[in-house]
């Protein structure tokens, strides 16, 4: 007398989950309170006005791009060194710390 074990997550059920996730639409929450929509509109207007008055791009300038690229390099370069070079764990530890700082900066 053999008992067959069945898995509760079968392939057809799993494929339904995949297909249903593609059919889902973006969900937006709207408040019935008009003061929240007025606040959001006023805030957006104030932020746009600030960027126009100070002549700053809302997408960032060269300093933001430099910071982003340096943080990305702080993550990728130690990772490549750890994979490519044979080293002890004590030598890899500072590289892992630098990777953590780079990932936190990203």
PDB file of N, CA and C in Angstrom:
ATOM      1  N   UNK A   1       0.832  -1.165   0.000  1.00  0.00           N
ATOM      2  CA  UNK A   1       0.000   0.000   0.000  1.00  0.00           C
ATOM      3  C   UNK A   1       0.884   1.238   0.000  1.00  0.00           C
ATOM      4  N   UNK A   2       0.926   1.833  -1.119  1.00  0.00           N
ATOM      5  CA  UNK A   2       1.753   3.009  -1.319  1.00  0.00           C
ATOM      6  C   UNK A   2       0.888   4.252  -1.278  1.00  0.00           C
ATOM      7  N   UNK A   3       1.354   5.253  -0.568  1.00  0.00           N
ATOM      8  CA  UNK A   3       0.635   6.525  -0.547  1.00  0.00           C
ATOM      9  C   UNK A   3       1.341   7.487  -1.476  1.00  0.00           C
ATOM     10  N   UNK A   4       0.577   8.111  -2.312  1.00  0.00           N
ATOM     11  CA  UNK A   4       1.157   9.098  -3.209  1.00  0.00           C
ATOM     12  C   UNK A   4       1.075  10.468  -2.549  1.00  0.00           C
ATOM     13  N   UNK A   5       2.195  11.175  -2.592  1.00  0.00           N
ATOM     14  CA  UNK A   5       2.214  12.529  -2.022  1.00  0.00           C
ATOM     15  C   UNK A   5       1.845  13.512  -3.125  1.00  0.00           C
ATOM     16  N   UNK A   6       0.972  14.402  -2.823  1.00  0.00           N
ATOM     17  CA  UNK A   6       0.576  15.397  -3.801  1.00  0.00           C
ATOM     18  C   UNK A   6       1.060  16.756  -3.334  1.00  0.00           C
ATOM     19  N   UNK A   7       1.454  17.523  -4.276  1.00  0.00           N
ATOM     20  CA  UNK A   7       1.910  18.872  -3.996  1.00  0.00           C
ATOM     21  C   UNK A   7       0.715  19.810  -4.111  1.00  0.00           C
ATOM     22  N   UNK A   8       0.549  20.687  -3.154  1.00  0.00           N
ATOM     23  CA  UNK A   8      -0.607  21.577  -3.174  1.00  0.00           C
ATOM     24  C   UNK A   8      -0.493  22.648  -4.251  1.00  0.00           C
ATOM     25  N   UNK A   9       0.727  22.932  -4.711  1.00  0.00           N
ATOM     26  CA  UNK A   9       0.926  23.938  -5.744  1.00  0.00           C
ATOM     27  C   UNK A   9       1.256  23.212  -7.042  1.00  0.00           C
ATOM     28  N   UNK A  10       0.248  22.991  -7.842  1.00  0.00           N
ATOM     29  CA  UNK A  10       0.464  22.269  -9.092  1.00  0.00           C
ATOM     30  C   UNK A  10       0.781  23.258 -10.193  1.00  0.00           C
ATOM     31  N   UNK A  11       1.273  22.726 -11.290  1.00  0.00           N
ATOM     32  CA  UNK A  11       1.675  23.568 -12.403  1.00  0.00           C
ATOM     33  C   UNK A  11       0.515  24.386 -12.968  1.00  0.00           C
ATOM     34  N   UNK A  12      -0.669  23.805 -13.182  1.00  0.00           N
ATOM     35  CA  UNK A  12      -1.759  24.640 -13.698  1.00  0.00           C
ATOM     36  C   UNK A  12      -2.117  25.787 -12.761  1.00  0.00           C
ATOM     37  N   UNK A  13      -2.079  25.547 -11.443  1.00  0.00           N
ATOM     38  CA  UNK A  13      -2.396  26.632 -10.510  1.00  0.00           C
ATOM     39  C   UNK A  13      -1.328  27.722 -10.594  1.00  0.00           C
ATOM     40  N   UNK A  14      -0.068  27.298 -10.698  1.00  0.00           N
ATOM     41  CA  UNK A  14       1.030  28.256 -10.762  1.00  0.00           C
ATOM     42  C   UNK A  14       0.954  29.082 -12.041  1.00  0.00           C
ATOM     43  N   UNK A  15       0.614  28.428 -13.152  1.00  0.00           N
ATOM     44  CA  UNK A  15       0.516  29.164 -14.415  1.00  0.00           C
ATOM     45  C   UNK A  15      -0.644  30.162 -14.363  1.00  0.00           C
ATOM     46  N   UNK A  16      -1.709  29.832 -13.639  1.00  0.00           N
ATOM     47  CA  UNK A  16      -2.804  30.790 -13.488  1.00  0.00           C
ATOM     48  C   UNK A  16      -2.347  32.018 -12.727  1.00  0.00           C
ATOM     49  N   UNK A  17      -1.512  31.821 -11.719  1.00  0.00           N
ATOM     50  CA  UNK A  17      -0.998  32.966 -10.967  1.00  0.00           C
ATOM     51  C   UNK A  17      -0.173  33.872 -11.850  1.00  0.00           C
ATOM     52  N   UNK A  18       0.634  33.284 -12.730  1.00  0.00           N
ATOM     53  CA  UNK A  18       1.469  34.086 -13.622  1.00  0.00           C
ATOM     54  C   UNK A  18       0.595  34.878 -14.577  1.00  0.00           C
ATOM     55  N   UNK A  19      -0.377  34.225 -15.197  1.00  0.00           N
ATOM     56  CA  UNK A  19      -1.219  34.906 -16.163  1.00  0.00           C
ATOM     57  C   UNK A  19      -2.103  35.964 -15.504  1.00  0.00           C
ATOM     58  N   UNK A  20      -2.584  35.692 -14.303  1.00  0.00           N
ATOM     59  CA  UNK A  20      -3.427  36.670 -13.621  1.00  0.00           C
ATOM     60  C   UNK A  20      -2.629  37.908 -13.235  1.00  0.00           C
ATOM     61  N   UNK A  21      -1.347  37.749 -12.904  1.00  0.00           N
ATOM     62  CA  UNK A  21      -0.553  38.917 -12.520  1.00  0.00           C
ATOM     63  C   UNK A  21      -0.336  39.844 -13.702  1.00  0.00           C
ATOM     64  N   UNK A  22      -0.313  39.305 -14.925  1.00  0.00           N
ATOM     65  CA  UNK A  22      -0.158  40.152 -16.098  1.00  0.00           C
ATOM     66  C   UNK A  22      -1.448  40.879 -16.441  1.00  0.00           C
ATOM     67  N   UNK A  23      -2.558  40.338 -16.005  1.00  0.00           N
ATOM     68  CA  UNK A  23      -3.843  40.944 -16.320  1.00  0.00           C
ATOM     69  C   UNK A  23      -4.246  42.019 -15.312  1.00  0.00           C
ATOM     70  N   UNK A  24      -3.540  42.072 -14.188  1.00  0.00           N
ATOM     71  CA  UNK A  24      -3.896  43.058 -13.170  1.00  0.00           C
ATOM     72  C   UNK A  24      -3.603  44.466 -13.672  1.00  0.00           C
ATOM     73  N   UNK A  25      -4.427  45.361 -13.285  1.00  0.00           N
ATOM     74  CA  UNK A  25      -4.241  46.758 -13.679  1.00  0.00           C
ATOM     75  C   UNK A  25      -3.602  47.527 -12.529  1.00  0.00           C
ATOM     76  N   UNK A  26      -3.091  48.707 -12.856  1.00  0.00           N
ATOM     77  CA  UNK A  26      -2.535  49.553 -11.809  1.00  0.00           C
ATOM     78  C   UNK A  26      -3.656  49.984 -10.872  1.00  0.00           C
ATOM     79  N   UNK A  27      -3.394  49.878  -9.606  1.00  0.00           N
ATOM     80  CA  UNK A  27      -4.391  50.240  -8.608  1.00  0.00           C
ATOM     81  C   UNK A  27      -4.055  51.627  -8.087  1.00  0.00           C
ATOM     82  N   UNK A  28      -5.010  52.506  -8.086  1.00  0.00           N
ATOM     83  CA  UNK A  28      -4.826  53.857  -7.566  1.00  0.00           C
ATOM     84  C   UNK A  28      -5.827  54.075  -6.444  1.00  0.00           C
ATOM     85  N   UNK A  29      -5.337  54.637  -5.377  1.00  0.00           N
ATOM     86  CA  UNK A  29      -6.193  54.935  -4.241  1.00  0.00           C
ATOM     87  C   UNK A  29      -6.557  56.409  -4.282  1.00  0.00           C
ATOM     88  N   UNK A  30      -7.826  56.684  -4.289  1.00  0.00           N
ATOM     89  CA  UNK A  30      -8.304  58.059  -4.302  1.00  0.00           C
ATOM     90  C   UNK A  30      -9.111  58.294  -3.048  1.00  0.00           C
ATOM     91  N   UNK A  31      -8.829  59.411  -2.435  1.00  0.00           N
ATOM     92  CA  UNK A  31      -9.525  59.759  -1.216  1.00  0.00           C
ATOM     93  C   UNK A  31     -10.788  60.541  -1.550  1.00  0.00           C
ATOM     94  N   UNK A  32     -11.788  60.382  -0.745  1.00  0.00           N
ATOM     95  CA  UNK A  32     -13.012  61.150  -0.933  1.00  0.00           C
ATOM     96  C   UNK A  32     -12.867  62.541  -0.326  1.00  0.00           C
ATOM     97  N   UNK A  33     -11.789  62.756   0.426  1.00  0.00           N
ATOM     98  CA  UNK A  33     -11.540  64.036   1.072  1.00  0.00           C
ATOM     99  C   UNK A  33     -10.901  64.993   0.061  1.00  0.00           C
ATOM    100  N   UNK A  34     -11.571  66.123  -0.211  1.00  0.00           N
ATOM    101  CA  UNK A  34     -11.066  67.087  -1.184  1.00  0.00           C
ATOM    102  C   UNK A  34      -9.813  67.807  -0.701  1.00  0.00           C
ATOM    103  N   UNK A  35      -9.611  67.903   0.620  1.00  0.00           N
ATOM    104  CA  UNK A  35      -8.438  68.623   1.117  1.00  0.00           C
ATOM    105  C   UNK A  35      -7.148  67.902   0.746  1.00  0.00           C
ATOM    106  N   UNK A  36      -7.177  66.575   0.651  1.00  0.00           N
ATOM    107  CA  UNK A  36      -5.969  65.851   0.254  1.00  0.00           C
ATOM    108  C   UNK A  36      -5.608  66.124  -1.192  1.00  0.00           C
ATOM    109  N   UNK A  37      -6.578  66.175  -2.078  1.00  0.00           N
ATOM    110  CA  UNK A  37      -6.273  66.469  -3.475  1.00  0.00           C
ATOM    111  C   UNK A  37      -5.845  67.920  -3.640  1.00  0.00           C
ATOM    112  N   UNK A  38      -6.427  68.829  -2.869  1.00  0.00           N
ATOM    113  CA  UNK A  38      -5.997  70.224  -2.921  1.00  0.00           C
ATOM    114  C   UNK A  38      -4.580  70.377  -2.386  1.00  0.00           C
ATOM    115  N   UNK A  39      -4.250  69.638  -1.323  1.00  0.00           N
ATOM    116  CA  UNK A  39      -2.905  69.681  -0.776  1.00  0.00           C
ATOM    117  C   UNK A  39      -1.888  69.162  -1.787  1.00  0.00           C
ATOM    118  N   UNK A  40      -2.203  68.042  -2.452  1.00  0.00           N
ATOM    119  CA  UNK A  40      -1.287  67.466  -3.440  1.00  0.00           C
ATOM    120  C   UNK A  40      -1.065  68.428  -4.605  1.00  0.00           C
ATOM    121  N   UNK A  41      -2.115  69.082  -5.060  1.00  0.00           N
ATOM    122  CA  UNK A  41      -1.986  70.041  -6.157  1.00  0.00           C
ATOM    123  C   UNK A  41      -1.150  71.250  -5.739  1.00  0.00           C
ATOM    124  N   UNK A  42      -1.375  71.756  -4.525  1.00  0.00           N
ATOM    125  CA  UNK A  42      -0.609  72.905  -4.042  1.00  0.00           C
ATOM    126  C   UNK A  42       0.854  72.527  -3.845  1.00  0.00           C
ATOM    127  N   UNK A  43       1.095  71.349  -3.328  1.00  0.00           N
ATOM    128  CA  UNK A  43       2.469  70.891  -3.134  1.00  0.00           C
ATOM    129  C   UNK A  43       3.193  70.754  -4.468  1.00  0.00           C
ATOM    130  N   UNK A  44       2.535  70.155  -5.444  1.00  0.00           N
ATOM    131  CA  UNK A  44       3.130  70.006  -6.774  1.00  0.00           C
ATOM    132  C   UNK A  44       3.447  71.363  -7.382  1.00  0.00           C
ATOM    133  N   UNK A  45       2.541  72.329  -7.215  1.00  0.00           N
ATOM    134  CA  UNK A  45       2.742  73.666  -7.755  1.00  0.00           C
ATOM    135  C   UNK A  45       3.929  74.353  -7.064  1.00  0.00           C
ATOM    136  N   UNK A  46       4.030  74.204  -5.742  1.00  0.00           N
ATOM    137  CA  UNK A  46       5.144  74.812  -5.015  1.00  0.00           C
ATOM    138  C   UNK A  46       6.489  74.209  -5.404  1.00  0.00           C
ATOM    139  N   UNK A  47       6.525  72.909  -5.595  1.00  0.00           N
ATOM    140  CA  UNK A  47       7.775  72.255  -5.992  1.00  0.00           C
ATOM    141  C   UNK A  47       8.183  72.695  -7.393  1.00  0.00           C
ATOM    142  N   UNK A  48       7.232  72.734  -8.329  1.00  0.00           N
ATOM    143  CA  UNK A  48       7.535  73.203  -9.682  1.00  0.00           C
ATOM    144  C   UNK A  48       8.025  74.649  -9.675  1.00  0.00           C
ATOM    145  N   UNK A  49       7.400  75.488  -8.857  1.00  0.00           N
ATOM    146  CA  UNK A  49       7.805  76.886  -8.750  1.00  0.00           C
ATOM    147  C   UNK A  49       9.225  76.999  -8.184  1.00  0.00           C
ATOM    148  N   UNK A  50       9.574  76.170  -7.198  1.00  0.00           N
ATOM    149  CA  UNK A  50      10.918  76.193  -6.624  1.00  0.00           C
ATOM    150  C   UNK A  50      11.976  75.869  -7.674  1.00  0.00           C
ATOM    151  N   UNK A  51      11.720  74.832  -8.471  1.00  0.00           N
ATOM    152  CA  UNK A  51      12.692  74.460  -9.495  1.00  0.00           C
ATOM    153  C   UNK A  51      12.817  75.537 -10.570  1.00  0.00           C
ATOM    154  N   UNK A  52      11.722  76.232 -10.897  1.00  0.00           N
ATOM    155  CA  UNK A  52      11.797  77.305 -11.879  1.00  0.00           C
ATOM    156  C   UNK A  52      12.551  78.504 -11.331  1.00  0.00           C
ATOM    157  N   UNK A  53      12.295  78.881 -10.069  1.00  0.00           N
ATOM    158  CA  UNK A  53      12.947  80.040  -9.471  1.00  0.00           C
ATOM    159  C   UNK A  53      14.446  79.836  -9.296  1.00  0.00           C
ATOM    160  N   UNK A  54      14.848  78.659  -8.918  1.00  0.00           N
ATOM    161  CA  UNK A  54      16.266  78.407  -8.670  1.00  0.00           C
ATOM    162  C   UNK A  54      17.002  77.910  -9.908  1.00  0.00           C
ATOM    163  N   UNK A  55      16.303  77.712 -11.002  1.00  0.00           N
ATOM    164  CA  UNK A  55      16.869  77.234 -12.269  1.00  0.00           C
ATOM    165  C   UNK A  55      17.612  75.911 -12.084  1.00  0.00           C
ATOM    166  N   UNK A  56      17.020  75.022 -11.289  1.00  0.00           N
ATOM    167  CA  UNK A  56      17.579  73.693 -11.055  1.00  0.00           C
ATOM    168  C   UNK A  56      16.726  72.688 -11.822  1.00  0.00           C
ATOM    169  N   UNK A  57      17.405  71.726 -12.439  1.00  0.00           N
ATOM    170  CA  UNK A  57      16.667  70.680 -13.143  1.00  0.00           C
ATOM    171  C   UNK A  57      16.095  69.693 -12.131  1.00  0.00           C
ATOM    172  N   UNK A  58      14.835  69.352 -12.240  1.00  0.00           N
ATOM    173  CA  UNK A  58      14.271  68.362 -11.316  1.00  0.00           C
ATOM    174  C   UNK A  58      14.825  66.959 -11.546  1.00  0.00           C
ATOM    175  N   UNK A  59      15.530  66.747 -12.652  1.00  0.00           N
ATOM    176  CA  UNK A  59      16.118  65.436 -12.945  1.00  0.00           C
ATOM    177  C   UNK A  59      17.557  65.326 -12.459  1.00  0.00           C
ATOM    178  N   UNK A  60      18.096  66.363 -11.883  1.00  0.00           N
ATOM    179  CA  UNK A  60      19.457  66.318 -11.361  1.00  0.00           C
ATOM    180  C   UNK A  60      20.460  66.907 -12.337  1.00  0.00           C
ATOM    181  N   UNK A  61      21.652  67.177 -11.826  1.00  0.00           N
ATOM    182  CA  UNK A  61      22.705  67.726 -12.663  1.00  0.00           C
ATOM    183  C   UNK A  61      23.905  66.788 -12.644  1.00  0.00           C
ATOM    184  N   UNK A  62      25.069  67.282 -13.026  1.00  0.00           N
ATOM    185  CA  UNK A  62      26.248  66.435 -13.138  1.00  0.00           C
ATOM    186  C   UNK A  62      26.694  65.883 -11.788  1.00  0.00           C
ATOM    187  N   UNK A  63      26.435  66.604 -10.698  1.00  0.00           N
ATOM    188  CA  UNK A  63      26.854  66.087  -9.391  1.00  0.00           C
ATOM    189  C   UNK A  63      26.051  64.843  -8.999  1.00  0.00           C
ATOM    190  N   UNK A  64      24.765  64.850  -9.304  1.00  0.00           N
ATOM    191  CA  UNK A  64      23.935  63.683  -9.013  1.00  0.00           C
ATOM    192  C   UNK A  64      24.366  62.486  -9.847  1.00  0.00           C
ATOM    193  N   UNK A  65      24.651  62.734 -11.121  1.00  0.00           N
ATOM    194  CA  UNK A  65      25.092  61.636 -11.987  1.00  0.00           C
ATOM    195  C   UNK A  65      26.449  61.097 -11.558  1.00  0.00           C
ATOM    196  N   UNK A  66      27.349  61.988 -11.130  1.00  0.00           N
ATOM    197  CA  UNK A  66      28.665  61.559 -10.647  1.00  0.00           C
ATOM    198  C   UNK A  66      28.522  60.708  -9.389  1.00  0.00           C
ATOM    199  N   UNK A  67      27.670  61.131  -8.477  1.00  0.00           N
ATOM    200  CA  UNK A  67      27.448  60.365  -7.249  1.00  0.00           C
ATOM    201  C   UNK A  67      26.857  58.997  -7.568  1.00  0.00           C
ATOM    202  N   UNK A  68      25.900  58.955  -8.469  1.00  0.00           N
ATOM    203  CA  UNK A  68      25.262  57.693  -8.825  1.00  0.00           C
ATOM    204  C   UNK A  68      26.265  56.733  -9.472  1.00  0.00           C
ATOM    205  N   UNK A  69      27.099  57.241 -10.348  1.00  0.00           N
ATOM    206  CA  UNK A  69      28.086  56.384 -11.000  1.00  0.00           C
ATOM    207  C   UNK A  69      29.153  55.910 -10.019  1.00  0.00           C
ATOM    208  N   UNK A  70      29.549  56.756  -9.088  1.00  0.00           N
ATOM    209  CA  UNK A  70      30.557  56.331  -8.113  1.00  0.00           C
ATOM    210  C   UNK A  70      29.986  55.284  -7.160  1.00  0.00           C
ATOM    211  N   UNK A  71      28.741  55.432  -6.754  1.00  0.00           N
ATOM    212  CA  UNK A  71      28.128  54.426  -5.892  1.00  0.00           C
ATOM    213  C   UNK A  71      27.956  53.098  -6.628  1.00  0.00           C
ATOM    214  N   UNK A  72      27.613  53.160  -7.894  1.00  0.00           N
ATOM    215  CA  UNK A  72      27.495  51.951  -8.683  1.00  0.00           C
ATOM    216  C   UNK A  72      28.853  51.270  -8.839  1.00  0.00           C
ATOM    217  N   UNK A  73      29.911  52.069  -9.035  1.00  0.00           N
ATOM    218  CA  UNK A  73      31.265  51.517  -9.132  1.00  0.00           C
ATOM    219  C   UNK A  73      31.710  50.924  -7.799  1.00  0.00           C
ATOM    220  N   UNK A  74      31.308  51.547  -6.683  1.00  0.00           N
ATOM    221  CA  UNK A  74      31.655  51.013  -5.367  1.00  0.00           C
ATOM    222  C   UNK A  74      30.999  49.659  -5.124  1.00  0.00           C
ATOM    223  N   UNK A  75      29.947  49.363  -5.830  1.00  0.00           N
ATOM    224  CA  UNK A  75      29.288  48.068  -5.706  1.00  0.00           C
ATOM    225  C   UNK A  75      29.857  47.056  -6.698  1.00  0.00           C
ATOM    226  N   UNK A  76      30.044  47.465  -7.942  1.00  0.00           N
ATOM    227  CA  UNK A  76      30.418  46.521  -8.991  1.00  0.00           C
ATOM    228  C   UNK A  76      31.896  46.140  -8.945  1.00  0.00           C
ATOM    229  N   UNK A  77      32.800  47.113  -8.750  1.00  0.00           N
ATOM    230  CA  UNK A  77      34.240  46.830  -8.802  1.00  0.00           C
ATOM    231  C   UNK A  77      34.662  45.830  -7.720  1.00  0.00           C
ATOM    232  N   UNK A  78      34.298  46.012  -6.443  1.00  0.00           N
ATOM    233  CA  UNK A  78      34.673  44.985  -5.470  1.00  0.00           C
ATOM    234  C   UNK A  78      34.065  43.617  -5.764  1.00  0.00           C
ATOM    235  N   UNK A  79      32.852  43.602  -6.298  1.00  0.00           N
ATOM    236  CA  UNK A  79      32.212  42.341  -6.649  1.00  0.00           C
ATOM    237  C   UNK A  79      33.030  41.591  -7.699  1.00  0.00           C
ATOM    238  N   UNK A  80      33.473  42.315  -8.721  1.00  0.00           N
ATOM    239  CA  UNK A  80      34.285  41.702  -9.775  1.00  0.00           C
ATOM    240  C   UNK A  80      35.623  41.230  -9.208  1.00  0.00           C
ATOM    241  N   UNK A  81      36.231  42.029  -8.330  1.00  0.00           N
ATOM    242  CA  UNK A  81      37.504  41.632  -7.728  1.00  0.00           C
ATOM    243  C   UNK A  81      37.362  40.370  -6.882  1.00  0.00           C
ATOM    244  N   UNK A  82      36.283  40.276  -6.121  1.00  0.00           N
ATOM    245  CA  UNK A  82      36.062  39.092  -5.281  1.00  0.00           C
ATOM    246  C   UNK A  82      35.885  37.847  -6.146  1.00  0.00           C
ATOM    247  N   UNK A  83      35.180  37.982  -7.246  1.00  0.00           N
ATOM    248  CA  UNK A  83      34.944  36.834  -8.117  1.00  0.00           C
ATOM    249  C   UNK A  83      36.195  36.472  -8.919  1.00  0.00           C
ATOM    250  N   UNK A  84      36.902  37.484  -9.414  1.00  0.00           N
ATOM    251  CA  UNK A  84      38.000  37.234 -10.342  1.00  0.00           C
ATOM    252  C   UNK A  84      39.304  36.830  -9.663  1.00  0.00           C
ATOM    253  N   UNK A  85      39.589  37.360  -8.478  1.00  0.00           N
ATOM    254  CA  UNK A  85      40.871  37.113  -7.834  1.00  0.00           C
ATOM    255  C   UNK A  85      40.721  36.140  -6.678  1.00  0.00           C
ATOM    256  N   UNK A  86      41.627  35.183  -6.592  1.00  0.00           N
ATOM    257  CA  UNK A  86      41.585  34.300  -5.417  1.00  0.00           C
ATOM    258  C   UNK A  86      42.107  35.051  -4.189  1.00  0.00           C
ATOM    259  N   UNK A  87      41.313  35.077  -3.140  1.00  0.00           N
ATOM    260  CA  UNK A  87      41.718  35.798  -1.933  1.00  0.00           C
ATOM    261  C   UNK A  87      41.096  35.141  -0.715  1.00  0.00           C
ATOM    262  N   UNK A  88      41.676  35.434   0.431  1.00  0.00           N
ATOM    263  CA  UNK A  88      41.149  34.886   1.672  1.00  0.00           C
ATOM    264  C   UNK A  88      39.914  35.681   2.097  1.00  0.00           C
ATOM    265  N   UNK A  89      39.217  35.135   3.057  1.00  0.00           N
ATOM    266  CA  UNK A  89      38.007  35.809   3.540  1.00  0.00           C
ATOM    267  C   UNK A  89      38.361  37.122   4.230  1.00  0.00           C
ATOM    268  N   UNK A  90      39.502  37.160   4.909  1.00  0.00           N
ATOM    269  CA  UNK A  90      39.903  38.394   5.593  1.00  0.00           C
ATOM    270  C   UNK A  90      40.249  39.499   4.602  1.00  0.00           C
ATOM    271  N   UNK A  91      40.741  39.123   3.438  1.00  0.00           N
ATOM    272  CA  UNK A  91      41.042  40.116   2.414  1.00  0.00           C
ATOM    273  C   UNK A  91      39.762  40.558   1.694  1.00  0.00           C
ATOM    274  N   UNK A  92      38.797  39.666   1.603  1.00  0.00           N
ATOM    275  CA  UNK A  92      37.535  39.991   0.930  1.00  0.00           C
ATOM    276  C   UNK A  92      36.606  40.806   1.828  1.00  0.00           C
ATOM    277  N   UNK A  93      36.803  40.741   3.134  1.00  0.00           N
ATOM    278  CA  UNK A  93      35.912  41.435   4.061  1.00  0.00           C
ATOM    279  C   UNK A  93      35.843  42.947   3.818  1.00  0.00           C
ATOM    280  N   UNK A  94      36.976  43.658   3.667  1.00  0.00           N
ATOM    281  CA  UNK A  94      36.856  45.094   3.365  1.00  0.00           C
ATOM    282  C   UNK A  94      36.155  45.372   2.037  1.00  0.00           C
ATOM    283  N   UNK A  95      36.344  44.482   1.065  1.00  0.00           N
ATOM    284  CA  UNK A  95      35.658  44.669  -0.215  1.00  0.00           C
ATOM    285  C   UNK A  95      34.150  44.500  -0.069  1.00  0.00           C
ATOM    286  N   UNK A  96      33.749  43.583   0.786  1.00  0.00           N
ATOM    287  CA  UNK A  96      32.317  43.383   1.030  1.00  0.00           C
ATOM    288  C   UNK A  96      31.727  44.598   1.744  1.00  0.00           C
ATOM    289  N   UNK A  97      32.489  45.203   2.655  1.00  0.00           N
ATOM    290  CA  UNK A  97      32.023  46.414   3.338  1.00  0.00           C
ATOM    291  C   UNK A  97      31.859  47.547   2.337  1.00  0.00           C
ATOM    292  N   UNK A  98      32.826  47.684   1.421  1.00  0.00           N
ATOM    293  CA  UNK A  98      32.727  48.721   0.380  1.00  0.00           C
ATOM    294  C   UNK A  98      31.521  48.450  -0.519  1.00  0.00           C
ATOM    295  N   UNK A  99      31.273  47.177  -0.820  1.00  0.00           N
ATOM    296  CA  UNK A  99      30.081  46.837  -1.606  1.00  0.00           C
ATOM    297  C   UNK A  99      28.799  47.247  -0.868  1.00  0.00           C
ATOM    298  N   UNK A 100      28.774  47.036   0.429  1.00  0.00           N
ATOM    299  CA  UNK A 100      27.593  47.409   1.218  1.00  0.00           C
ATOM    300  C   UNK A 100      27.354  48.908   1.207  1.00  0.00           C
ATOM    301  N   UNK A 101      28.428  49.680   1.317  1.00  0.00           N
ATOM    302  CA  UNK A 101      28.302  51.139   1.256  1.00  0.00           C
ATOM    303  C   UNK A 101      27.807  51.568  -0.116  1.00  0.00           C
ATOM    304  N   UNK A 102      28.343  50.931  -1.160  1.00  0.00           N
ATOM    305  CA  UNK A 102      27.898  51.256  -2.526  1.00  0.00           C
ATOM    306  C   UNK A 102      26.445  50.905  -2.750  1.00  0.00           C
ATOM    307  N   UNK A 103      26.018  49.760  -2.232  1.00  0.00           N
ATOM    308  CA  UNK A 103      24.614  49.365  -2.404  1.00  0.00           C
ATOM    309  C   UNK A 103      23.684  50.273  -1.614  1.00  0.00           C
ATOM    310  N   UNK A 104      24.108  50.663  -0.423  1.00  0.00           N
ATOM    311  CA  UNK A 104      23.287  51.591   0.360  1.00  0.00           C
ATOM    312  C   UNK A 104      23.192  52.943  -0.333  1.00  0.00           C
ATOM    313  N   UNK A 105      24.251  53.346  -1.002  1.00  0.00           N
ATOM    314  CA  UNK A 105      24.229  54.616  -1.724  1.00  0.00           C
ATOM    315  C   UNK A 105      23.378  54.577  -2.969  1.00  0.00           C
ATOM    316  N   UNK A 106      23.306  53.413  -3.564  1.00  0.00           N
ATOM    317  CA  UNK A 106      22.479  53.269  -4.765  1.00  0.00           C
ATOM    318  C   UNK A 106      21.026  53.420  -4.386  1.00  0.00           C
TER     319      UNK A 106
END
